[in-house]
Amino acid sequence: MTAKEAAERGQWDSVMRCYAEREVLLQTRPMSVHEADELVRLDEQIHDRVHMIQDVLMALLDEAAATKQRLQGLRQRLGLVPSTPKTLSVEA
């Protein structure tokens, strides 16, 4: 549940810590079918959240690229010297 709440807040480091802690617990403690079903349900919610955030980030990157192209077009029409291309690296 803590991982789900952290994912909702965008605290991905906390989500990863929760999964690491859960891995240790799962190796040392048996789990009921009900608990396993609950974990799967929570994992699906976190998975959905991750994909939603990825979609938002991709849309923002597409928008930034389109804005950059529009600005480059404006610079060309105004006869300004093109700026040195800058690279943006995104690590997921």
Foldseek 3Di string as FASTA:
>chain_A
DQLLVCLVVVNVVSNVVVVVVVVVVVVPDPDDPVRVVVVVVSVVSSVVSVVVVVVVVVVVVVVVVVVVVVVQVVCVVVVHDDDDDDDDDDDD
